[in-house]
């Protein structure tokens, strides 16, 4: 009930439409109830009396009621559809907006397929119930009250006997709810796993094909689909039993009416018209009883889906902006300071950084090197506050990043990663993503600085060329240069290059290197790289090992004093094939 009540709150903006829909549904029931009454008049006052004069007006009355009912039905369906689509739109906006506010750590733990399932199939179940199921439920409840009352007006004793199956239906519905709720939650989870498997198979299709694992991946997907099928079948068997049982119980009431009501009609204590009217009302009452099980099942599915949606909405961002957050000082130029910084991905988990202290003056370029897992990337991710430190402080221009406005801070930090992500949009839109109102000249300038202008102009539509999903229609080097242009155009105070030239060849790297030198001028820059030509961009090198600074200084100083640096440089991680090239 708690989940259901929370879901009902999404109907608040549509309360007037819901009210009108409910009134239209009530109008449909009233019109439907009027037809058996007129039928009784036709039988008792026209057919029995052989009076043709009243037959025509009564038939016209039935047609009139049918027309009015048609009007109510159209209003109900139109408004119910509008409510359903409105709830879907609102839910999707709330869910997507909340996902955008969640921190990096949440997406590290939550598979994309799970989130996609909650934003699609779970959301569809909820919106269908809120838009149509509730109206249908109201119609059936109103029908039960209306037809039940009319039955008691016609013959109270016969109505009481006919409605004896009511308590039995309530008991069966309660048992059904308890037994099927758990299974329905499992069904939604299995559907989410299926979505996740499909998403991974599509996104990773290049890896699958590269290793010739199509058959194996298909078998894995089939196994996931089979689990979803088996769980759905279990839910289907339960619902089939209980819904069929709830559909059978009302027929007992029909049997009572046919036997007792028929005897009363034969004895003359109940007119034939009244018997037909009573039977018609009871027959109309059977349908709400029969679909009651279906509505219960639909409510259960909506509740199960709502629980999964609220699991996302109830997740609080791990990185929250302070209530009194301040803008980044306008006079600052990008000084970055790490004060005894410690970090672990989970409380009490293994430390990734263990007491890093580093002061980087504004405009200085720092090269971060070290073995895999030494904490290089994590250290730079603390600057734009993708994660919060477990201990110590990170300062930008003298301000603790936890005290700054997030948008202001992240606009001041440009990031180029090893695997650039491009949107399925034009080249121009991808470059100007961080500055949507960028001028033509600003876009072109950023592209030239990243050595991207030449190849972009050779594309079919130049800067208006739409790149494929994730930019896979471009080469790795081209994607990287567009990503560099995207970072440059924001004019950041701090620039982070995380293996930014790893996807380009040596010739292209030299071209980009010249552009990066210009882009890095006057900016504080962190360069994470193993290639000598990229490391050469740094004014100072910092060697990390096991989350600590193992050495710091120039290339010459470190080569002379640091065994770890010499090992990294000479082991092949530093690409010794480039040493000869650089020397030449």
Protein backbone atom coordinates (compact mmCIF):
# COMPACT_ATOMS: atom_id res chain seq x y z
CA UNK A 1 0.00 0.00 0.00
CA UNK A 2 2.88 2.37 0.71
CA UNK A 3 4.23 1.88 -2.82
CA UNK A 4 0.73 2.20 -4.30
CA UNK A 5 0.09 5.44 -2.42
CA UNK A 6 3.38 6.86 -3.70
CA UNK A 7 2.44 5.91 -7.24
CA UNK A 8 -0.95 7.61 -6.87
CA UNK A 9 0.83 10.89 -6.16
CA UNK A 10 1.81 11.02 -9.82
CA UNK A 11 -1.89 11.50 -10.59
CA UNK A 12 -2.01 14.75 -8.62
CA UNK A 13 -1.37 17.03 -11.64
CA UNK A 14 -4.23 15.27 -13.44
CA UNK A 15 -6.75 15.21 -10.59
CA UNK A 16 -9.42 17.08 -12.57
CA UNK A 17 -9.03 14.79 -15.55
CA UNK A 18 -9.20 11.82 -13.18
CA UNK A 19 -12.41 13.22 -11.66
CA UNK A 20 -14.00 13.76 -15.06
CA UNK A 21 -12.94 10.29 -16.14
CA UNK A 22 -14.48 8.81 -13.00
CA UNK A 23 -17.72 10.71 -13.59
CA UNK A 24 -17.76 9.54 -17.22
CA UNK A 25 -17.23 5.96 -16.03
CA UNK A 26 -20.12 6.39 -13.57
CA UNK A 27 -22.25 7.76 -16.40
CA UNK A 28 -21.49 4.65 -18.47
CA UNK A 29 -22.63 2.42 -15.61
CA UNK A 30 -25.83 4.41 -15.06
CA UNK A 31 -26.69 4.24 -18.74
CA UNK A 32 -25.95 0.52 -18.77
CA UNK A 33 -28.18 0.06 -15.70
CA UNK A 34 -31.02 1.89 -17.43
CA UNK A 35 -31.27 -0.58 -20.31
CA UNK A 36 -32.42 -3.61 -18.19
CA UNK A 37 -34.99 -1.35 -16.49
CA UNK A 38 -36.43 -0.33 -19.86
CA UNK A 39 -36.34 -3.99 -20.92
CA UNK A 40 -38.48 -4.79 -17.87
CA UNK A 41 -40.99 -2.13 -18.90
CA UNK A 42 -41.11 -3.57 -22.42
CA UNK A 43 -41.81 -7.07 -21.08
CA UNK A 44 -44.27 -6.17 -18.31
CA UNK A 45 -46.10 -3.20 -19.81
CA UNK A 46 -45.91 -3.75 -23.56
CA UNK A 47 -45.49 -7.45 -24.30
CA UNK A 48 -47.72 -8.81 -21.52
CA UNK A 49 -50.37 -6.12 -22.14
CA UNK A 50 -50.00 -6.47 -25.91
CA UNK A 51 -49.67 -2.66 -26.04
CA UNK A 52 -47.75 -1.64 -29.16
CA UNK A 53 -48.06 2.08 -28.50
CA UNK A 54 -45.38 2.09 -25.79
CA UNK A 55 -42.94 -0.18 -27.60
CA UNK A 56 -41.59 2.49 -29.96
CA UNK A 57 -40.78 5.12 -27.29
CA UNK A 58 -39.13 2.50 -25.06
CA UNK A 59 -36.94 1.27 -27.92
CA UNK A 60 -35.99 4.89 -28.69
CA UNK A 61 -35.12 5.32 -25.00
CA UNK A 62 -32.73 2.35 -25.25
CA UNK A 63 -31.12 3.85 -28.36
CA UNK A 64 -30.85 7.22 -26.59
CA UNK A 65 -29.17 5.64 -23.59
CA UNK A 66 -26.78 3.87 -25.96
CA UNK A 67 -25.84 7.17 -27.61
CA UNK A 68 -25.29 8.89 -24.25
CA UNK A 69 -23.22 5.90 -23.11
CA UNK A 70 -21.15 6.21 -26.29
CA UNK A 71 -20.40 9.84 -25.46
CA UNK A 72 -19.35 8.98 -21.91
CA UNK A 73 -17.18 6.13 -23.23
CA UNK A 74 -15.36 8.43 -25.67
CA UNK A 75 -14.69 11.00 -22.95
CA UNK A 76 -13.41 8.28 -20.62
CA UNK A 77 -11.08 6.72 -23.17
CA UNK A 78 -9.66 10.04 -24.40
CA UNK A 79 -8.98 11.34 -20.88
CA UNK A 80 -7.68 7.99 -19.65
CA UNK A 81 -5.22 7.92 -22.55
CA UNK A 82 -4.15 11.48 -21.81
CA UNK A 83 -3.64 10.67 -18.13
CA UNK A 84 -1.70 7.51 -18.97
CA UNK A 85 0.64 9.28 -21.39
CA UNK A 86 1.01 12.24 -19.02
CA UNK A 87 1.99 9.97 -16.13
CA UNK A 88 4.46 8.17 -18.39
CA UNK A 89 5.99 11.48 -19.45
CA UNK A 90 6.22 12.75 -15.87
CA UNK A 91 7.65 9.49 -14.54
CA UNK A 92 10.24 9.36 -17.29
CA UNK A 93 11.27 12.97 -16.68
CA UNK A 94 11.55 12.44 -12.92
CA UNK A 95 13.49 9.19 -13.35
CA UNK A 96 15.87 10.56 -15.98
CA UNK A 97 16.40 13.79 -14.06
CA UNK A 98 17.22 11.82 -10.93
CA UNK A 99 19.62 9.55 -12.82
CA UNK A 100 21.43 12.63 -14.08
CA UNK A 101 21.96 13.77 -10.48
CA UNK A 102 23.30 10.46 -9.22
CA UNK A 103 27.02 10.11 -8.69
CA UNK A 104 29.62 8.15 -10.63
CA UNK A 105 29.77 5.53 -7.88
CA UNK A 106 26.13 4.55 -8.45
CA UNK A 107 26.73 3.85 -12.14
CA UNK A 108 29.87 1.91 -11.25
CA UNK A 109 27.63 -0.52 -9.35
CA UNK A 110 24.36 -0.50 -11.31
CA UNK A 111 24.30 -2.23 -14.72
CA UNK A 112 22.94 -0.10 -17.56
CA UNK A 113 20.51 -2.85 -18.61
CA UNK A 114 18.88 -2.77 -15.17
CA UNK A 115 18.34 0.96 -15.43
CA UNK A 116 17.00 0.65 -18.98
CA UNK A 117 14.49 -1.97 -17.83
CA UNK A 118 13.22 0.28 -15.05
CA UNK A 119 12.93 3.23 -17.42
CA UNK A 120 11.01 1.20 -20.02
CA UNK A 121 9.16 -1.98 -19.04
CA UNK A 122 8.64 -1.09 -15.36
CA UNK A 123 7.52 2.39 -16.27
CA UNK A 124 5.07 1.04 -18.88
CA UNK A 125 3.46 -1.25 -16.31
CA UNK A 126 3.01 1.64 -13.87
CA UNK A 127 1.64 4.09 -16.41
CA UNK A 128 -0.86 1.56 -17.78
CA UNK A 129 -2.18 0.87 -14.30
CA UNK A 130 -2.43 4.54 -13.31
CA UNK A 131 -3.92 5.58 -16.63
CA UNK A 132 -6.31 2.73 -17.35
CA UNK A 133 -6.27 0.21 -14.51
CA UNK A 134 -7.46 2.64 -11.83
CA UNK A 135 -10.31 3.92 -14.01
CA UNK A 136 -11.30 0.35 -14.79
CA UNK A 137 -11.09 -0.45 -11.09
CA UNK A 138 -13.34 2.50 -10.27
CA UNK A 139 -15.83 1.42 -12.93
CA UNK A 140 -16.00 -2.04 -11.44
CA UNK A 141 -16.34 -0.83 -7.86
CA UNK A 142 -19.07 1.60 -8.93
CA UNK A 143 -20.76 -1.21 -10.86
CA UNK A 144 -20.68 -3.43 -7.77
CA UNK A 145 -22.31 -0.72 -5.66
CA UNK A 146 -24.83 0.33 -8.31
CA UNK A 147 -25.93 -3.11 -9.48
CA UNK A 148 -25.78 -4.54 -5.97
CA UNK A 149 -28.07 -1.78 -4.73
CA UNK A 150 -30.50 -2.27 -7.62
CA UNK A 151 -30.61 -6.02 -6.93
CA UNK A 152 -31.61 -5.36 -3.33
CA UNK A 153 -34.28 -2.92 -4.50
CA UNK A 154 -35.81 -5.57 -6.76
CA UNK A 155 -35.62 -8.49 -4.29
CA UNK A 156 -33.50 -8.18 -1.13
CA UNK A 157 -33.65 -11.87 -0.17
CA UNK A 158 -32.70 -13.09 -3.64
CA UNK A 159 -29.90 -10.47 -3.84
CA UNK A 160 -28.44 -11.57 -0.52
CA UNK A 161 -28.33 -15.19 -1.67
CA UNK A 162 -26.82 -14.25 -5.04
CA UNK A 163 -24.05 -12.17 -3.42
CA UNK A 164 -22.93 -14.79 -0.92
CA UNK A 165 -19.85 -15.41 -3.10
CA UNK A 166 -18.54 -11.89 -2.28
CA UNK A 167 -16.63 -12.81 0.92
CA UNK A 168 -15.16 -15.86 -0.84
CA UNK A 169 -13.82 -13.59 -3.58
CA UNK A 170 -12.19 -11.31 -1.04
CA UNK A 171 -10.45 -14.24 0.66
CA UNK A 172 -9.22 -15.65 -2.65
CA UNK A 173 -7.97 -12.20 -3.75
CA UNK A 174 -6.05 -11.80 -0.47
CA UNK A 175 -4.40 -15.22 -0.83
CA UNK A 176 -3.62 -14.49 -4.48
CA UNK A 177 -1.99 -11.19 -3.56
CA UNK A 178 0.29 -12.79 -0.98
CA UNK A 179 1.38 -15.66 -3.23
CA UNK A 180 1.89 -13.79 -6.50
CA UNK A 181 3.52 -10.57 -5.26
CA UNK A 182 6.95 -12.18 -4.73
CA UNK A 183 6.80 -13.96 -8.09
CA UNK A 184 5.84 -10.76 -9.93
CA UNK A 185 8.81 -8.94 -8.41
CA UNK A 186 11.02 -11.79 -9.65
CA UNK A 187 9.45 -11.48 -13.11
CA UNK A 188 10.41 -7.80 -13.34
CA UNK A 189 13.92 -8.65 -12.15
CA UNK A 190 14.30 -11.37 -14.79
CA UNK A 191 13.05 -8.96 -17.47
CA UNK A 192 15.68 -6.47 -16.29
CA UNK A 193 18.37 -9.16 -16.56
CA UNK A 194 17.18 -9.94 -20.07
CA UNK A 195 17.39 -6.26 -21.01
CA UNK A 196 20.85 -6.07 -19.49
CA UNK A 197 22.01 -9.13 -21.46
CA UNK A 198 20.62 -7.70 -24.70
CA UNK A 199 22.26 -4.32 -24.06
CA UNK A 200 25.65 -5.90 -23.36
CA UNK A 201 25.41 -8.12 -26.44
CA UNK A 202 24.63 -5.18 -28.71
CA UNK A 203 27.20 -2.78 -27.24
CA UNK A 204 29.87 -5.49 -27.13
CA UNK A 205 29.12 -6.95 -30.56
CA UNK A 206 32.59 -6.02 -31.85
CA UNK A 207 34.26 -8.00 -29.05
CA UNK A 208 31.89 -10.92 -29.57
CA UNK A 209 32.64 -11.08 -33.28
CA UNK A 210 36.35 -10.48 -32.80
CA UNK A 211 36.61 -13.62 -30.65
CA UNK A 212 34.09 -15.61 -32.69
CA UNK A 213 31.82 -16.08 -29.66
CA UNK A 214 28.45 -15.45 -31.37
CA UNK A 215 27.14 -18.93 -30.55
CA UNK A 216 28.28 -18.74 -26.93
CA UNK A 217 26.74 -15.28 -26.48
CA UNK A 218 23.51 -16.47 -28.06
CA UNK A 219 23.46 -19.41 -25.64
CA UNK A 220 23.99 -17.06 -22.68
CA UNK A 221 21.18 -14.81 -23.89
CA UNK A 222 18.94 -17.84 -24.40
CA UNK A 223 19.64 -18.99 -20.84
CA UNK A 224 18.71 -15.56 -19.50
CA UNK A 225 15.58 -15.55 -21.66
CA UNK A 226 14.71 -19.02 -20.38
CA UNK A 227 14.93 -17.85 -16.75
CA UNK A 228 12.65 -14.94 -17.58
CA UNK A 229 10.27 -17.31 -19.35
CA UNK A 230 10.19 -19.82 -16.49
CA UNK A 231 9.55 -17.12 -13.88
CA UNK A 232 6.83 -15.57 -16.04
CA UNK A 233 5.24 -18.99 -16.47
CA UNK A 234 5.23 -19.49 -12.69
CA UNK A 235 3.45 -16.16 -12.29
CA UNK A 236 1.12 -17.06 -15.15
CA UNK A 237 0.18 -20.38 -13.51
CA UNK A 238 -0.61 -18.68 -10.21
CA UNK A 239 -2.65 -15.95 -11.85
CA UNK A 240 -4.43 -18.44 -14.10
CA UNK A 241 -5.55 -20.47 -11.08
CA UNK A 242 -6.66 -17.62 -8.85
CA UNK A 243 -8.21 -15.49 -11.60
CA UNK A 244 -10.10 -18.51 -12.93
CA UNK A 245 -11.28 -19.31 -9.40
CA UNK A 246 -12.46 -15.73 -8.94
CA UNK A 247 -14.23 -15.97 -12.27
CA UNK A 248 -15.95 -19.23 -11.27
CA UNK A 249 -17.34 -18.10 -7.90
CA UNK A 250 -19.82 -15.56 -9.38
CA UNK A 251 -21.42 -18.32 -11.48
CA UNK A 252 -22.65 -19.82 -8.21
CA UNK A 253 -24.66 -16.68 -7.70
CA UNK A 254 -26.08 -17.00 -11.20
CA UNK A 255 -27.14 -20.56 -10.43
CA UNK A 256 -28.95 -19.41 -7.29
CA UNK A 257 -30.83 -16.73 -9.20
CA UNK A 258 -31.85 -19.05 -12.02
CA UNK A 259 -33.21 -21.63 -9.56
CA UNK A 260 -34.88 -19.41 -6.96
CA UNK A 261 -35.75 -16.50 -9.22
CA UNK A 262 -37.15 -18.88 -11.83
CA UNK A 263 -39.36 -20.52 -9.20
CA UNK A 264 -40.61 -17.10 -8.07
CA UNK A 265 -41.40 -16.11 -11.64
CA UNK A 266 -43.26 -19.38 -12.16
CA UNK A 267 -45.22 -18.85 -8.91
CA UNK A 268 -46.02 -15.28 -9.93
CA UNK A 269 -44.39 -13.66 -6.89
CA UNK A 270 -41.87 -12.06 -9.25
CA UNK A 271 -42.86 -10.71 -12.65
CA UNK A 272 -41.13 -11.96 -15.75
CA UNK A 273 -39.85 -8.48 -16.47
CA UNK A 274 -38.45 -8.14 -12.93
CA UNK A 275 -36.81 -11.56 -13.24
CA UNK A 276 -35.17 -10.56 -16.54
CA UNK A 277 -34.09 -7.22 -15.03
CA UNK A 278 -32.66 -8.96 -11.94
CA UNK A 279 -30.84 -11.52 -14.06
CA UNK A 280 -29.44 -8.77 -16.33
CA UNK A 281 -28.12 -6.81 -13.33
CA UNK A 282 -26.58 -9.91 -11.80
CA UNK A 283 -25.04 -10.84 -15.16
CA UNK A 284 -23.59 -7.32 -15.36
CA UNK A 285 -22.32 -7.78 -11.81
CA UNK A 286 -20.54 -11.01 -12.70
CA UNK A 287 -18.12 -9.22 -15.04
CA UNK A 288 -16.66 -6.94 -12.33
CA UNK A 289 -16.27 -9.96 -10.08
CA UNK A 290 -14.52 -11.91 -12.82
CA UNK A 291 -12.10 -9.15 -13.75
CA UNK A 292 -11.43 -8.40 -10.10
CA UNK A 293 -8.62 -10.95 -10.14
CA UNK A 294 -7.13 -9.39 -13.25
CA UNK A 295 -7.20 -5.95 -11.64
CA UNK A 296 -5.57 -7.33 -8.50
CA UNK A 297 -2.83 -8.87 -10.63
CA UNK A 298 -2.35 -5.62 -12.53
CA UNK A 299 -2.09 -3.70 -9.26
CA UNK A 300 0.47 -6.21 -8.01
CA UNK A 301 2.59 -5.84 -11.14
CA UNK A 302 2.37 -2.06 -10.90
CA UNK A 303 3.41 -2.23 -7.25
CA UNK A 304 6.34 -4.52 -8.09
CA UNK A 305 7.45 -2.19 -10.88
CA UNK A 306 6.89 0.85 -8.68
CA UNK A 307 9.15 -0.64 -6.01
CA UNK A 308 11.95 -1.04 -8.58
CA UNK A 309 11.46 2.53 -9.83
CA UNK A 310 11.46 3.93 -6.30
CA UNK A 311 14.66 2.02 -5.54
CA UNK A 312 16.28 4.35 -8.06
CA UNK A 313 14.41 7.49 -7.00
CA UNK A 314 15.17 6.85 -3.32
CA UNK A 315 18.90 6.54 -3.99
CA UNK A 316 20.55 9.73 -2.81
CA UNK A 317 23.49 11.18 -4.74
CA UNK A 318 26.74 10.36 -3.00
CA UNK A 319 28.12 13.68 -4.23
CA UNK A 320 25.76 16.35 -2.94
CA UNK A 321 26.19 20.07 -3.41
CA UNK A 322 26.38 21.95 -0.13
CA UNK A 323 23.41 24.16 0.73
CA UNK A 324 25.77 27.16 0.96
CA UNK A 325 27.92 26.15 -2.04
CA UNK A 326 30.05 28.97 -3.42
CA UNK A 327 31.04 29.71 -7.01
CA UNK A 328 34.63 29.16 -8.05
CA UNK A 329 36.69 32.30 -7.36
CA UNK A 330 36.67 34.38 -10.54
CA UNK A 331 40.24 35.54 -10.03
CA UNK A 332 41.67 32.04 -9.79
CA UNK A 333 43.82 30.52 -12.53
CA UNK A 334 43.61 26.84 -11.67
CA UNK A 335 45.91 26.07 -8.75
CA UNK A 336 45.21 22.52 -7.50
CA UNK A 337 46.23 21.29 -4.07
CA UNK A 338 45.94 17.79 -2.60
CA UNK A 339 46.27 17.74 1.19
CA UNK A 340 46.84 14.25 2.65
CA UNK A 341 44.22 12.84 0.28
CA UNK A 342 42.92 9.36 1.03
CA UNK A 343 40.29 7.51 -0.98
CA UNK A 344 38.55 4.12 -1.05
CA UNK A 345 35.61 3.19 -3.25
CA UNK A 346 33.73 1.68 -0.30
CA UNK A 347 33.93 2.53 3.42
CA UNK A 348 36.49 0.25 4.97
CA UNK A 349 37.51 -1.05 1.54
CA UNK A 350 41.06 -1.24 0.21
CA UNK A 351 42.59 2.23 -0.20
CA UNK A 352 43.14 3.51 -3.71
CA UNK A 353 44.92 6.63 -2.48
CA UNK A 354 46.74 6.68 0.84
CA UNK A 355 47.88 10.14 1.92
CA UNK A 356 48.70 12.02 -1.30
CA UNK A 357 49.97 15.57 -0.77
CA UNK A 358 50.71 17.60 -3.88
CA UNK A 359 50.59 21.31 -4.68
CA UNK A 360 50.30 22.19 -8.37
CA UNK A 361 50.71 25.91 -9.12
CA UNK A 362 48.42 27.49 -11.68
CA UNK A 363 49.56 26.96 -15.25
CA UNK A 364 51.88 24.06 -14.44
CA UNK A 365 51.73 20.73 -16.27
CA UNK A 366 52.09 17.60 -14.17
CA UNK A 367 52.74 14.17 -15.67
CA UNK A 368 51.27 11.32 -13.61
CA UNK A 369 52.89 7.95 -14.18
CA UNK A 370 52.88 4.68 -12.34
CA UNK A 371 51.87 1.04 -12.60
CA UNK A 372 48.29 0.06 -13.37
CA UNK A 373 46.14 0.53 -10.28
CA UNK A 374 48.47 3.03 -8.65
CA UNK A 375 45.70 5.66 -8.45
CA UNK A 376 46.59 8.03 -11.30
CA UNK A 377 43.10 8.32 -12.81
CA UNK A 378 41.40 8.31 -9.41
CA UNK A 379 43.54 11.23 -8.27
CA UNK A 380 42.44 13.36 -11.22
CA UNK A 381 38.79 12.34 -10.79
CA UNK A 382 38.79 13.95 -7.37
CA UNK A 383 39.46 17.39 -8.90
CA UNK A 384 36.05 17.81 -10.61
CA UNK A 385 34.58 15.92 -7.63
CA UNK A 386 33.38 12.84 -9.46
CA UNK A 387 34.08 11.18 -6.11
CA UNK A 388 34.58 12.58 -2.62
CA UNK A 389 37.77 11.97 -0.70
CA UNK A 390 37.69 9.55 2.22
CA UNK A 391 40.09 11.82 4.05
CA UNK A 392 42.07 14.99 3.46
CA UNK A 393 41.13 17.79 1.07
CA UNK A 394 41.26 18.71 -2.62
CA UNK A 395 41.42 22.44 -3.30
CA UNK A 396 41.03 24.40 -6.53
CA UNK A 397 42.23 27.97 -6.28
CA UNK A 398 42.26 27.69 -2.52
CA UNK A 399 38.68 26.42 -2.19
CA UNK A 400 37.74 22.94 -1.01
CA UNK A 401 35.91 21.34 -3.95
CA UNK A 402 33.19 20.13 -1.53
CA UNK A 403 32.28 23.77 -0.83
CA UNK A 404 31.92 24.76 -4.50
CA UNK A 405 28.94 24.72 -6.87
CA UNK A 406 29.26 21.49 -8.83
CA UNK A 407 28.35 22.96 -12.22
CA UNK A 408 30.76 25.83 -11.70
CA UNK A 409 33.56 23.47 -10.69
CA UNK A 410 33.07 21.01 -13.52
CA UNK A 411 32.87 23.72 -16.16
CA UNK A 412 36.33 24.77 -15.01
CA UNK A 413 37.79 21.29 -15.50
CA UNK A 414 38.21 19.84 -18.99
CA UNK A 415 38.64 16.06 -19.29
CA UNK A 416 39.84 13.97 -22.22
CA UNK A 417 39.77 10.26 -21.50
CA UNK A 418 41.39 7.30 -23.23
CA UNK A 419 38.04 6.06 -24.60
CA UNK A 420 36.20 9.17 -25.81
CA UNK A 421 32.42 9.00 -25.96
CA UNK A 422 30.73 10.86 -28.81
CA UNK A 423 26.99 11.37 -29.10
CA UNK A 424 25.02 10.37 -32.16
CA UNK A 425 24.91 13.97 -33.35
CA UNK A 426 26.80 16.24 -35.73
CA UNK A 427 30.50 16.89 -35.36
CA UNK A 428 29.69 20.51 -34.55
CA UNK A 429 27.29 19.50 -31.76
CA UNK A 430 29.83 17.11 -30.28
CA UNK A 431 32.58 19.75 -30.22
CA UNK A 432 30.24 22.40 -28.77
CA UNK A 433 28.63 20.03 -26.25
CA UNK A 434 30.01 21.88 -23.24
CA UNK A 435 29.18 25.29 -24.76
CA UNK A 436 25.90 24.82 -26.71
CA UNK A 437 25.82 28.49 -27.78
CA UNK A 438 29.40 28.48 -29.10
CA UNK A 439 29.98 30.56 -32.21
CA UNK A 440 31.18 29.19 -35.52
CA UNK A 441 34.60 30.68 -34.97
CA UNK A 442 34.93 29.13 -31.50
CA UNK A 443 34.09 25.68 -32.87
CA UNK A 444 36.56 26.03 -35.72
CA UNK A 445 39.29 27.35 -33.41
CA UNK A 446 38.89 24.40 -31.04
CA UNK A 447 38.94 21.96 -33.96
CA UNK A 448 42.11 23.50 -35.37
CA UNK A 449 43.86 23.40 -32.00
CA UNK A 450 42.99 19.68 -31.75
CA UNK A 451 44.20 19.06 -35.32
CA UNK A 452 40.65 17.99 -36.26
CA UNK A 453 39.67 20.66 -38.77
CA UNK A 454 41.39 19.04 -41.76
CA UNK A 455 39.72 15.63 -41.52
CA UNK A 456 36.34 17.09 -40.49
CA UNK A 457 36.20 19.15 -43.70
CA UNK A 458 36.78 15.96 -45.69
CA UNK A 459 33.71 14.28 -44.15
CA UNK A 460 30.59 14.06 -46.39
CA UNK A 461 28.85 17.02 -44.70
CA UNK A 462 31.81 18.59 -42.95
CA UNK A 463 30.93 19.82 -39.49
CA UNK A 464 27.29 18.86 -40.07
CA UNK A 465 28.19 15.18 -40.53
CA UNK A 466 26.32 12.99 -38.05
CA UNK A 467 28.66 10.53 -36.37
CA UNK A 468 27.29 7.09 -35.54
CA UNK A 469 26.45 5.90 -32.07
CA UNK A 470 29.50 6.43 -29.82
CA UNK A 471 31.24 7.89 -32.88
CA UNK A 472 32.11 4.50 -34.34
CA UNK A 473 31.87 5.84 -37.90
CA UNK A 474 35.13 7.69 -37.15
CA UNK A 475 38.56 6.25 -36.48
CA UNK A 476 39.94 6.11 -32.95
CA UNK A 477 42.29 9.01 -33.61
CA UNK A 478 39.51 11.12 -35.11
CA UNK A 479 37.25 10.49 -32.13
CA UNK A 480 40.08 11.43 -29.82
CA UNK A 481 40.74 14.73 -31.58
CA UNK A 482 37.06 15.69 -31.48
CA UNK A 483 37.07 14.89 -27.75
CA UNK A 484 40.11 17.13 -27.30
CA UNK A 485 38.35 19.92 -29.21
CA UNK A 486 35.30 19.42 -26.97
CA UNK A 487 37.46 19.95 -23.89
CA UNK A 488 39.34 22.93 -25.34
CA UNK A 489 36.23 24.90 -26.32
CA UNK A 490 35.09 25.17 -22.69
CA UNK A 491 38.28 27.14 -21.91
CA UNK A 492 38.90 25.24 -18.66
CA UNK A 493 41.27 26.35 -15.91
CA UNK A 494 42.32 22.75 -15.34
CA UNK A 495 42.87 20.26 -18.15
CA UNK A 496 43.05 16.51 -17.53
CA UNK A 497 44.47 14.30 -20.28
CA UNK A 498 43.98 10.66 -19.30
CA UNK A 499 45.90 8.70 -21.95
CA UNK A 500 44.45 11.24 -24.38
CA UNK A 501 46.79 10.27 -27.22
CA UNK A 502 46.77 6.53 -26.67
CA UNK A 503 44.50 5.89 -29.68
CA UNK A 504 46.55 7.79 -32.26
CA UNK A 505 49.66 6.89 -34.17
CA UNK A 506 53.00 8.55 -33.61
CA UNK A 507 52.60 11.00 -36.52
CA UNK A 508 49.15 12.12 -35.38
CA UNK A 509 50.39 12.31 -31.80
CA UNK A 510 53.10 14.77 -32.81
CA UNK A 511 50.49 16.91 -34.56
CA UNK A 512 48.20 16.82 -31.52
CA UNK A 513 51.15 17.43 -29.20
CA UNK A 514 51.86 20.79 -30.82
CA UNK A 515 48.19 21.72 -30.51
CA UNK A 516 48.06 20.56 -26.89
CA UNK A 517 51.04 22.71 -25.99
CA UNK A 518 49.08 25.73 -27.18
CA UNK A 519 45.91 24.58 -25.44
CA UNK A 520 47.78 23.90 -22.20
CA UNK A 521 49.41 27.32 -22.10
CA UNK A 522 48.23 29.15 -19.01
CA UNK A 523 46.25 26.16 -17.76
CA UNK A 524 46.97 23.71 -15.00
CA UNK A 525 47.25 20.37 -16.76
CA UNK A 526 47.44 16.78 -15.56
CA UNK A 527 48.81 14.33 -18.12
CA UNK A 528 48.39 10.61 -17.54
CA UNK A 529 50.41 8.73 -20.11
CA UNK A 530 53.06 6.11 -20.75
CA UNK A 531 54.21 7.34 -24.14
CA UNK A 532 57.40 9.39 -23.94
CA UNK A 533 56.22 12.03 -26.37
CA UNK A 534 53.16 12.72 -24.23
CA UNK A 535 55.08 12.67 -20.96
CA UNK A 536 57.44 15.22 -22.52
CA UNK A 537 54.60 17.77 -22.37
CA UNK A 538 54.90 17.83 -18.56
CA UNK A 539 56.91 20.37 -16.58
CA UNK A 540 57.20 17.91 -13.71
CA UNK A 541 56.61 14.19 -13.24
CA UNK A 542 54.89 12.51 -10.30
CA UNK A 543 55.32 8.76 -9.86
CA UNK A 544 52.53 6.98 -7.99
CA UNK A 545 52.78 3.55 -6.40
CA UNK A 546 50.12 1.86 -4.27
CA UNK A 547 48.21 5.11 -3.90
CA UNK A 548 51.22 7.11 -2.68
CA UNK A 549 53.68 9.49 -4.30
CA UNK A 550 56.81 7.43 -4.75
CA UNK A 551 58.89 10.10 -6.51
CA UNK A 552 58.57 13.60 -7.94
CA UNK A 553 60.77 15.70 -10.19
CA UNK A 554 62.01 16.10 -13.75
CA UNK A 555 62.82 13.21 -16.05
CA UNK A 556 66.53 13.55 -15.41
CA UNK A 557 66.12 13.74 -11.63
CA UNK A 558 63.78 10.76 -11.46
CA UNK A 559 65.87 8.65 -13.79
CA UNK A 560 68.84 9.25 -11.56
CA UNK A 561 67.10 8.72 -8.20
CA UNK A 562 63.99 6.55 -8.67
CA UNK A 563 64.28 2.82 -9.32
CA UNK A 564 60.52 2.64 -10.01
CA UNK A 565 60.69 5.39 -12.60
CA UNK A 566 63.60 3.72 -14.36
CA UNK A 567 61.68 0.43 -14.33
CA UNK A 568 58.58 2.06 -15.81
CA UNK A 569 60.57 3.91 -18.41
CA UNK A 570 62.67 0.97 -19.47
CA UNK A 571 60.21 -1.89 -19.06
CA UNK A 572 58.11 -1.27 -22.14
CA UNK A 573 55.27 0.51 -20.42
CA UNK A 574 56.97 3.66 -21.62
CA UNK A 575 56.97 2.35 -25.20
CA UNK A 576 60.73 1.94 -25.82
CA UNK A 577 59.95 1.73 -29.54
CA UNK A 578 59.32 5.46 -29.31
CA UNK A 579 62.62 6.16 -27.63
CA UNK A 580 64.54 5.73 -30.86
CA UNK A 581 61.95 7.80 -32.68
CA UNK A 582 62.25 10.62 -30.15
CA UNK A 583 66.04 10.44 -30.27
CA UNK A 584 65.95 10.64 -34.06
